[in-house]
Amino acid sequence: MLTEDKVLEILKETEVLLEGHFLLTSGKHSDRYLQCARVLQYPHHAAVLCGALAEHFASAKPQLCIGPALGGVIIAYETARSLGVRGIFAERDKDGEMELRRGFNVKPGERVLVLEDVVTTGGSVLEVVNLVKDMGGEVVGVGSIVDRSGGMADFDVPFTSLIKLDAKAFDSADCPLCLQGIPAVKPGSRK
């Protein structure tokens, strides 16, 4: 079993945790940012982390793994590989809505595990959960490498992360880093 200490060791070794002033996808600001792409560039680490997620959700018998692009692509694929099921991803259309493209589909009644690298507000994951449900799939759980939601993310299905990390998030109007004049950086996949 993969412990939180071992997960933290892997995240530190691969320099996933960044410190500074960051603009998050949610629009909030933070003094810390988790760039999980840094750990996922190492297939052996991706296999260990996603294998642990697969092990946790194996009893739910998922038939499909799906993640939101971009953070959930590798995690959905690698977890699916560990489970021996299909792995796909949802991506945003020109209006910013999550959709399936590239011939991907969710079959009615299919048992689906939704995966993400880092859950902050859970907004992207919830969009994918709703997309799966709208297509007739049964969401059996949500998994992530990191939960930085402070326990606030709620998907109405079992949610498990490999590690919970605190990182303060501020509304832009209340951001102490903005008040100090420190420029914000948007390091994620959506600019």
C-alpha atoms as a PDB file:
ATOM      1  CA  MET A   1       0.000   0.000   0.000  1.00  0.00           C
ATOM      2  CA  LEU A   2       1.252   3.455  -0.946  1.00  0.00           C
ATOM      3  CA  THR A   3       1.418   5.747   2.101  1.00  0.00           C
ATOM      4  CA  GLU A   4       0.904   9.531   2.101  1.00  0.00           C
ATOM      5  CA  ASP A   5       4.539   9.893   3.217  1.00  0.00           C
ATOM      6  CA  LYS A   6       5.715   7.975   0.140  1.00  0.00           C
ATOM      7  CA  VAL A   7       3.450  10.066  -2.123  1.00  0.00           C
ATOM      8  CA  LEU A   8       4.852  13.258  -0.599  1.00  0.00           C
ATOM      9  CA  GLU A   9       8.382  11.930  -1.091  1.00  0.00           C
ATOM     10  CA  ILE A  10       7.658  11.297  -4.795  1.00  0.00           C
ATOM     11  CA  LEU A  11       6.081  14.767  -5.211  1.00  0.00           C
ATOM     12  CA  LYS A  12       9.058  16.461  -3.559  1.00  0.00           C
ATOM     13  CA  GLU A  13      11.585  14.414  -5.567  1.00  0.00           C
ATOM     14  CA  THR A  14       9.935  15.511  -8.831  1.00  0.00           C
ATOM     15  CA  GLU A  15       9.487  19.175  -7.761  1.00  0.00           C
ATOM     16  CA  VAL A  16       5.712  19.157  -8.091  1.00  0.00           C
ATOM     17  CA  LEU A  17       5.089  21.733  -5.358  1.00  0.00           C
ATOM     18  CA  LEU A  18       5.773  25.341  -6.417  1.00  0.00           C
ATOM     19  CA  GLU A  19       5.667  28.386  -4.148  1.00  0.00           C
ATOM     20  CA  GLY A  20       4.902  31.979  -5.177  1.00  0.00           C
ATOM     21  CA  HIS A  21       1.737  33.786  -6.345  1.00  0.00           C
ATOM     22  CA  PHE A  22      -0.442  31.750  -8.686  1.00  0.00           C
ATOM     23  CA  LEU A  23      -3.714  32.311 -10.511  1.00  0.00           C
ATOM     24  CA  LEU A  24      -5.668  29.045 -10.409  1.00  0.00           C
ATOM     25  CA  THR A  25      -8.071  27.729 -13.051  1.00  0.00           C
ATOM     26  CA  SER A  26     -10.918  28.471 -10.611  1.00  0.00           C
ATOM     27  CA  GLY A  27      -9.984  32.179 -10.685  1.00  0.00           C
ATOM     28  CA  LYS A  28      -8.731  32.071  -7.102  1.00  0.00           C
ATOM     29  CA  HIS A  29      -5.174  32.995  -6.133  1.00  0.00           C
ATOM     30  CA  SER A  30      -2.775  30.813  -4.124  1.00  0.00           C
ATOM     31  CA  ASP A  31       0.662  30.869  -2.546  1.00  0.00           C
ATOM     32  CA  ARG A  32       1.317  27.283  -3.669  1.00  0.00           C
ATOM     33  CA  TYR A  33       0.769  25.434  -6.933  1.00  0.00           C
ATOM     34  CA  LEU A  34       0.965  21.744  -7.669  1.00  0.00           C
ATOM     35  CA  GLN A  35       2.284  20.964 -11.149  1.00  0.00           C
ATOM     36  CA  CYS A  36       1.564  17.222 -11.305  1.00  0.00           C
ATOM     37  CA  ALA A  37       2.766  17.073 -14.908  1.00  0.00           C
ATOM     38  CA  ARG A  38       6.244  17.101 -13.382  1.00  0.00           C
ATOM     39  CA  VAL A  39       5.699  13.749 -11.667  1.00  0.00           C
ATOM     40  CA  LEU A  40       3.804  12.267 -14.622  1.00  0.00           C
ATOM     41  CA  GLN A  41       6.774  12.783 -16.945  1.00  0.00           C
ATOM     42  CA  TYR A  42       8.287   9.754 -15.189  1.00  0.00           C
ATOM     43  CA  PRO A  43       6.386   6.611 -16.256  1.00  0.00           C
ATOM     44  CA  HIS A  44       7.583   4.629 -13.233  1.00  0.00           C
ATOM     45  CA  HIS A  45       6.126   7.233 -10.852  1.00  0.00           C
ATOM     46  CA  ALA A  46       2.877   7.456 -12.880  1.00  0.00           C
ATOM     47  CA  ALA A  47       2.578   3.656 -12.692  1.00  0.00           C
ATOM     48  CA  VAL A  48       3.042   3.646  -8.899  1.00  0.00           C
ATOM     49  CA  LEU A  49       0.610   6.519  -8.227  1.00  0.00           C
ATOM     50  CA  CYS A  50      -2.087   5.389 -10.640  1.00  0.00           C
ATOM     51  CA  GLY A  51      -1.624   1.782  -9.586  1.00  0.00           C
ATOM     52  CA  ALA A  52      -2.519   2.853  -6.048  1.00  0.00           C
ATOM     53  CA  LEU A  53      -5.672   4.584  -7.328  1.00  0.00           C
ATOM     54  CA  ALA A  54      -6.559   1.474  -9.345  1.00  0.00           C
ATOM     55  CA  GLU A  55      -6.044  -0.715  -6.287  1.00  0.00           C
ATOM     56  CA  HIS A  56      -8.315   1.512  -4.212  1.00  0.00           C
ATOM     57  CA  PHE A  57     -11.155   1.483  -6.772  1.00  0.00           C
ATOM     58  CA  ALA A  58     -10.819  -2.112  -8.047  1.00  0.00           C
ATOM     59  CA  SER A  59     -13.700  -3.320  -5.869  1.00  0.00           C
ATOM     60  CA  ALA A  60     -16.002  -0.747  -7.552  1.00  0.00           C
ATOM     61  CA  LYS A  61     -15.396  -2.659 -10.810  1.00  0.00           C
ATOM     62  CA  PRO A  62     -15.000   0.333 -13.146  1.00  0.00           C
ATOM     63  CA  GLN A  63     -15.265  -0.467 -16.854  1.00  0.00           C
ATOM     64  CA  LEU A  64     -13.946   2.896 -18.016  1.00  0.00           C
ATOM     65  CA  CYS A  65     -11.608   5.580 -16.661  1.00  0.00           C
ATOM     66  CA  ILE A  66     -12.015   9.192 -17.764  1.00  0.00           C
ATOM     67  CA  GLY A  67     -10.313  12.446 -16.838  1.00  0.00           C
ATOM     68  CA  PRO A  68     -10.623  16.083 -17.836  1.00  0.00           C
ATOM     69  CA  ALA A  69      -7.954  17.302 -20.244  1.00  0.00           C
ATOM     70  CA  LEU A  70      -5.285  18.120 -19.533  1.00  0.00           C
ATOM     71  CA  GLY A  71      -4.526  17.108 -15.954  1.00  0.00           C
ATOM     72  CA  GLY A  72      -6.589  13.917 -16.010  1.00  0.00           C
ATOM     73  CA  VAL A  73      -5.399  12.489 -19.331  1.00  0.00           C
ATOM     74  CA  ILE A  74      -2.349  10.547 -18.148  1.00  0.00           C
ATOM     75  CA  ILE A  75      -3.954   9.603 -14.838  1.00  0.00           C
ATOM     76  CA  ALA A  76      -7.068   8.197 -16.525  1.00  0.00           C
ATOM     77  CA  TYR A  77      -4.938   6.282 -19.037  1.00  0.00           C
ATOM     78  CA  GLU A  78      -2.486   4.858 -16.503  1.00  0.00           C
ATOM     79  CA  THR A  79      -5.212   3.928 -13.999  1.00  0.00           C
ATOM     80  CA  ALA A  80      -7.181   2.280 -16.811  1.00  0.00           C
ATOM     81  CA  ARG A  81      -4.064   0.330 -17.806  1.00  0.00           C
ATOM     82  CA  SER A  82      -3.699  -0.897 -14.233  1.00  0.00           C
ATOM     83  CA  LEU A  83      -7.357  -1.939 -14.131  1.00  0.00           C
ATOM     84  CA  GLY A  84      -7.360  -3.468 -17.624  1.00  0.00           C
ATOM     85  CA  VAL A  85     -10.154  -1.189 -18.896  1.00  0.00           C
ATOM     86  CA  ARG A  86     -10.546   1.643 -21.421  1.00  0.00           C
ATOM     87  CA  GLY A  87      -9.140   5.069 -20.625  1.00  0.00           C
ATOM     88  CA  ILE A  88     -10.415   8.255 -22.273  1.00  0.00           C
ATOM     89  CA  PHE A  89     -10.557  11.986 -21.630  1.00  0.00           C
ATOM     90  CA  ALA A  90     -13.006  14.850 -21.928  1.00  0.00           C
ATOM     91  CA  GLU A  91     -11.940  18.191 -23.324  1.00  0.00           C
ATOM     92  CA  ARG A  92     -13.400  21.652 -23.607  1.00  0.00           C
ATOM     93  CA  ASP A  93     -15.255  22.778 -26.710  1.00  0.00           C
ATOM     94  CA  LYS A  94     -14.901  26.283 -28.144  1.00  0.00           C
ATOM     95  CA  ASP A  95     -17.454  27.541 -25.586  1.00  0.00           C
ATOM     96  CA  GLY A  96     -15.520  26.042 -22.668  1.00  0.00           C
ATOM     97  CA  GLU A  97     -17.902  23.116 -22.044  1.00  0.00           C
ATOM     98  CA  MET A  98     -16.616  19.591 -21.406  1.00  0.00           C
ATOM     99  CA  GLU A  99     -17.354  17.124 -24.187  1.00  0.00           C
ATOM    100  CA  LEU A 100     -16.138  13.848 -25.634  1.00  0.00           C
ATOM    101  CA  ARG A 101     -14.406  13.991 -29.019  1.00  0.00           C
ATOM    102  CA  ARG A 102     -12.123  11.696 -31.034  1.00  0.00           C
ATOM    103  CA  GLY A 103     -14.769   8.976 -31.217  1.00  0.00           C
ATOM    104  CA  PHE A 104     -14.796   8.490 -27.422  1.00  0.00           C
ATOM    105  CA  ASN A 105     -18.063   7.451 -25.805  1.00  0.00           C
ATOM    106  CA  VAL A 106     -19.635   6.318 -22.577  1.00  0.00           C
ATOM    107  CA  LYS A 107     -21.999   3.395 -22.972  1.00  0.00           C
ATOM    108  CA  PRO A 108     -25.313   3.467 -21.092  1.00  0.00           C
ATOM    109  CA  GLY A 109     -24.868   1.678 -17.766  1.00  0.00           C
ATOM    110  CA  GLU A 110     -21.064   1.638 -18.054  1.00  0.00           C
ATOM    111  CA  ARG A 111     -19.307   1.844 -14.671  1.00  0.00           C
ATOM    112  CA  VAL A 112     -17.006   4.877 -14.830  1.00  0.00           C
ATOM    113  CA  LEU A 113     -14.166   6.103 -12.627  1.00  0.00           C
ATOM    114  CA  VAL A 114     -13.362   9.824 -12.988  1.00  0.00           C
ATOM    115  CA  LEU A 115      -9.734  10.816 -12.364  1.00  0.00           C
ATOM    116  CA  GLU A 116      -7.823  14.075 -11.975  1.00  0.00           C
ATOM    117  CA  ASP A 117      -4.318  15.091 -10.966  1.00  0.00           C
ATOM    118  CA  VAL A 118      -5.197  17.807  -8.431  1.00  0.00           C
ATOM    119  CA  VAL A 119      -8.642  18.657  -7.050  1.00  0.00           C
ATOM    120  CA  THR A 120      -8.907  22.243  -5.813  1.00  0.00           C
ATOM    121  CA  THR A 121     -12.540  23.269  -6.210  1.00  0.00           C
ATOM    122  CA  GLY A 122     -13.561  20.112  -8.073  1.00  0.00           C
ATOM    123  CA  GLY A 123     -15.199  22.125 -10.853  1.00  0.00           C
ATOM    124  CA  SER A 124     -13.635  20.299 -13.822  1.00  0.00           C
ATOM    125  CA  VAL A 125     -14.209  16.906 -12.220  1.00  0.00           C
ATOM    126  CA  LEU A 126     -17.855  17.721 -11.525  1.00  0.00           C
ATOM    127  CA  GLU A 127     -18.298  18.724 -15.173  1.00  0.00           C
ATOM    128  CA  VAL A 128     -16.942  15.316 -16.240  1.00  0.00           C
ATOM    129  CA  VAL A 129     -19.114  13.522 -13.659  1.00  0.00           C
ATOM    130  CA  ASN A 130     -22.182  15.285 -15.081  1.00  0.00           C
ATOM    131  CA  LEU A 131     -21.110  14.548 -18.670  1.00  0.00           C
ATOM    132  CA  VAL A 132     -20.798  10.837 -17.850  1.00  0.00           C
ATOM    133  CA  LYS A 133     -24.198  10.808 -16.138  1.00  0.00           C
ATOM    134  CA  ASP A 134     -25.812  12.682 -19.052  1.00  0.00           C
ATOM    135  CA  MET A 135     -24.496   9.951 -21.375  1.00  0.00           C
ATOM    136  CA  GLY A 136     -26.057   7.246 -19.188  1.00  0.00           C
ATOM    137  CA  GLY A 137     -22.884   6.122 -17.438  1.00  0.00           C
ATOM    138  CA  GLU A 138     -22.723   5.199 -13.756  1.00  0.00           C
ATOM    139  CA  VAL A 139     -19.998   7.108 -11.907  1.00  0.00           C
ATOM    140  CA  VAL A 140     -18.542   4.694  -9.328  1.00  0.00           C
ATOM    141  CA  GLY A 141     -15.999   7.101  -7.881  1.00  0.00           C
ATOM    142  CA  VAL A 142     -13.582   9.990  -8.246  1.00  0.00           C
ATOM    143  CA  GLY A 143      -9.862   9.653  -7.652  1.00  0.00           C
ATOM    144  CA  SER A 144      -6.993  12.121  -7.638  1.00  0.00           C
ATOM    145  CA  ILE A 145      -3.341  12.211  -6.786  1.00  0.00           C
ATOM    146  CA  VAL A 146      -3.772  15.342  -4.655  1.00  0.00           C
ATOM    147  CA  ASP A 147      -6.778  16.789  -2.838  1.00  0.00           C
ATOM    148  CA  ARG A 148      -6.151  20.416  -1.983  1.00  0.00           C
ATOM    149  CA  SER A 149      -9.838  21.242  -1.543  1.00  0.00           C
ATOM    150  CA  GLY A 150      -9.671  21.238   2.236  1.00  0.00           C
ATOM    151  CA  GLY A 151     -12.494  18.703   2.283  1.00  0.00           C
ATOM    152  CA  MET A 152     -14.771  20.992   0.282  1.00  0.00           C
ATOM    153  CA  ALA A 153     -14.949  18.953  -2.955  1.00  0.00           C
ATOM    154  CA  ASP A 154     -18.176  16.953  -3.158  1.00  0.00           C
ATOM    155  CA  PHE A 155     -19.103  14.776  -6.117  1.00  0.00           C
ATOM    156  CA  ASP A 156     -21.940  12.683  -4.574  1.00  0.00           C
ATOM    157  CA  VAL A 157     -19.813   9.561  -5.186  1.00  0.00           C
ATOM    158  CA  PRO A 158     -16.846   8.119  -3.254  1.00  0.00           C
ATOM    159  CA  PHE A 159     -13.801  10.402  -3.576  1.00  0.00           C
ATOM    160  CA  THR A 160     -10.270   9.312  -2.740  1.00  0.00           C
ATOM    161  CA  SER A 161      -6.955  11.069  -3.137  1.00  0.00           C
ATOM    162  CA  LEU A 162      -3.485   9.710  -2.513  1.00  0.00           C
ATOM    163  CA  ILE A 163      -2.575  12.765  -0.431  1.00  0.00           C
ATOM    164  CA  LYS A 164      -4.269  15.832   1.016  1.00  0.00           C
ATOM    165  CA  LEU A 165      -2.222  19.023   0.913  1.00  0.00           C
ATOM    166  CA  ASP A 166      -3.105  22.421   2.291  1.00  0.00           C
ATOM    167  CA  ALA A 167      -2.581  25.345  -0.012  1.00  0.00           C
ATOM    168  CA  LYS A 168      -4.350  28.582   0.753  1.00  0.00           C
ATOM    169  CA  ALA A 169      -6.650  29.923  -1.930  1.00  0.00           C
ATOM    170  CA  PHE A 170      -7.899  33.506  -1.975  1.00  0.00           C
ATOM    171  CA  ASP A 171     -10.494  35.474  -3.916  1.00  0.00           C
ATOM    172  CA  SER A 172      -8.630  38.057  -5.987  1.00  0.00           C
ATOM    173  CA  ALA A 173     -10.199  40.911  -3.987  1.00  0.00           C
ATOM    174  CA  ASP A 174      -8.865  39.441  -0.720  1.00  0.00           C
ATOM    175  CA  CYS A 175      -5.505  38.142  -1.930  1.00  0.00           C
ATOM    176  CA  PRO A 176      -2.681  39.235   0.403  1.00  0.00           C
ATOM    177  CA  LEU A 177      -0.153  38.540  -2.361  1.00  0.00           C
ATOM    178  CA  CYS A 178      -1.929  41.012  -4.674  1.00  0.00           C
ATOM    179  CA  LEU A 179      -1.991  43.563  -1.843  1.00  0.00           C
ATOM    180  CA  GLN A 180       1.789  43.133  -1.547  1.00  0.00           C
ATOM    181  CA  GLY A 181       2.129  43.845  -5.286  1.00  0.00           C
ATOM    182  CA  ILE A 182       3.507  40.374  -6.087  1.00  0.00           C
ATOM    183  CA  PRO A 183       2.651  39.526  -9.710  1.00  0.00           C
ATOM    184  CA  ALA A 184       0.459  36.448 -10.220  1.00  0.00           C
ATOM    185  CA  VAL A 185       1.546  33.671 -12.577  1.00  0.00           C
ATOM    186  CA  LYS A 186      -0.843  31.226 -14.298  1.00  0.00           C
ATOM    187  CA  PRO A 187       1.201  28.036 -14.577  1.00  0.00           C
ATOM    188  CA  GLY A 188      -1.568  25.586 -15.550  1.00  0.00           C
ATOM    189  CA  SER A 189      -2.590  24.273 -18.935  1.00  0.00           C
ATOM    190  CA  ARG A 190      -5.252  26.964 -19.575  1.00  0.00           C
ATOM    191  CA  LYS A 191      -3.841  30.451 -20.133  1.00  0.00           C
END
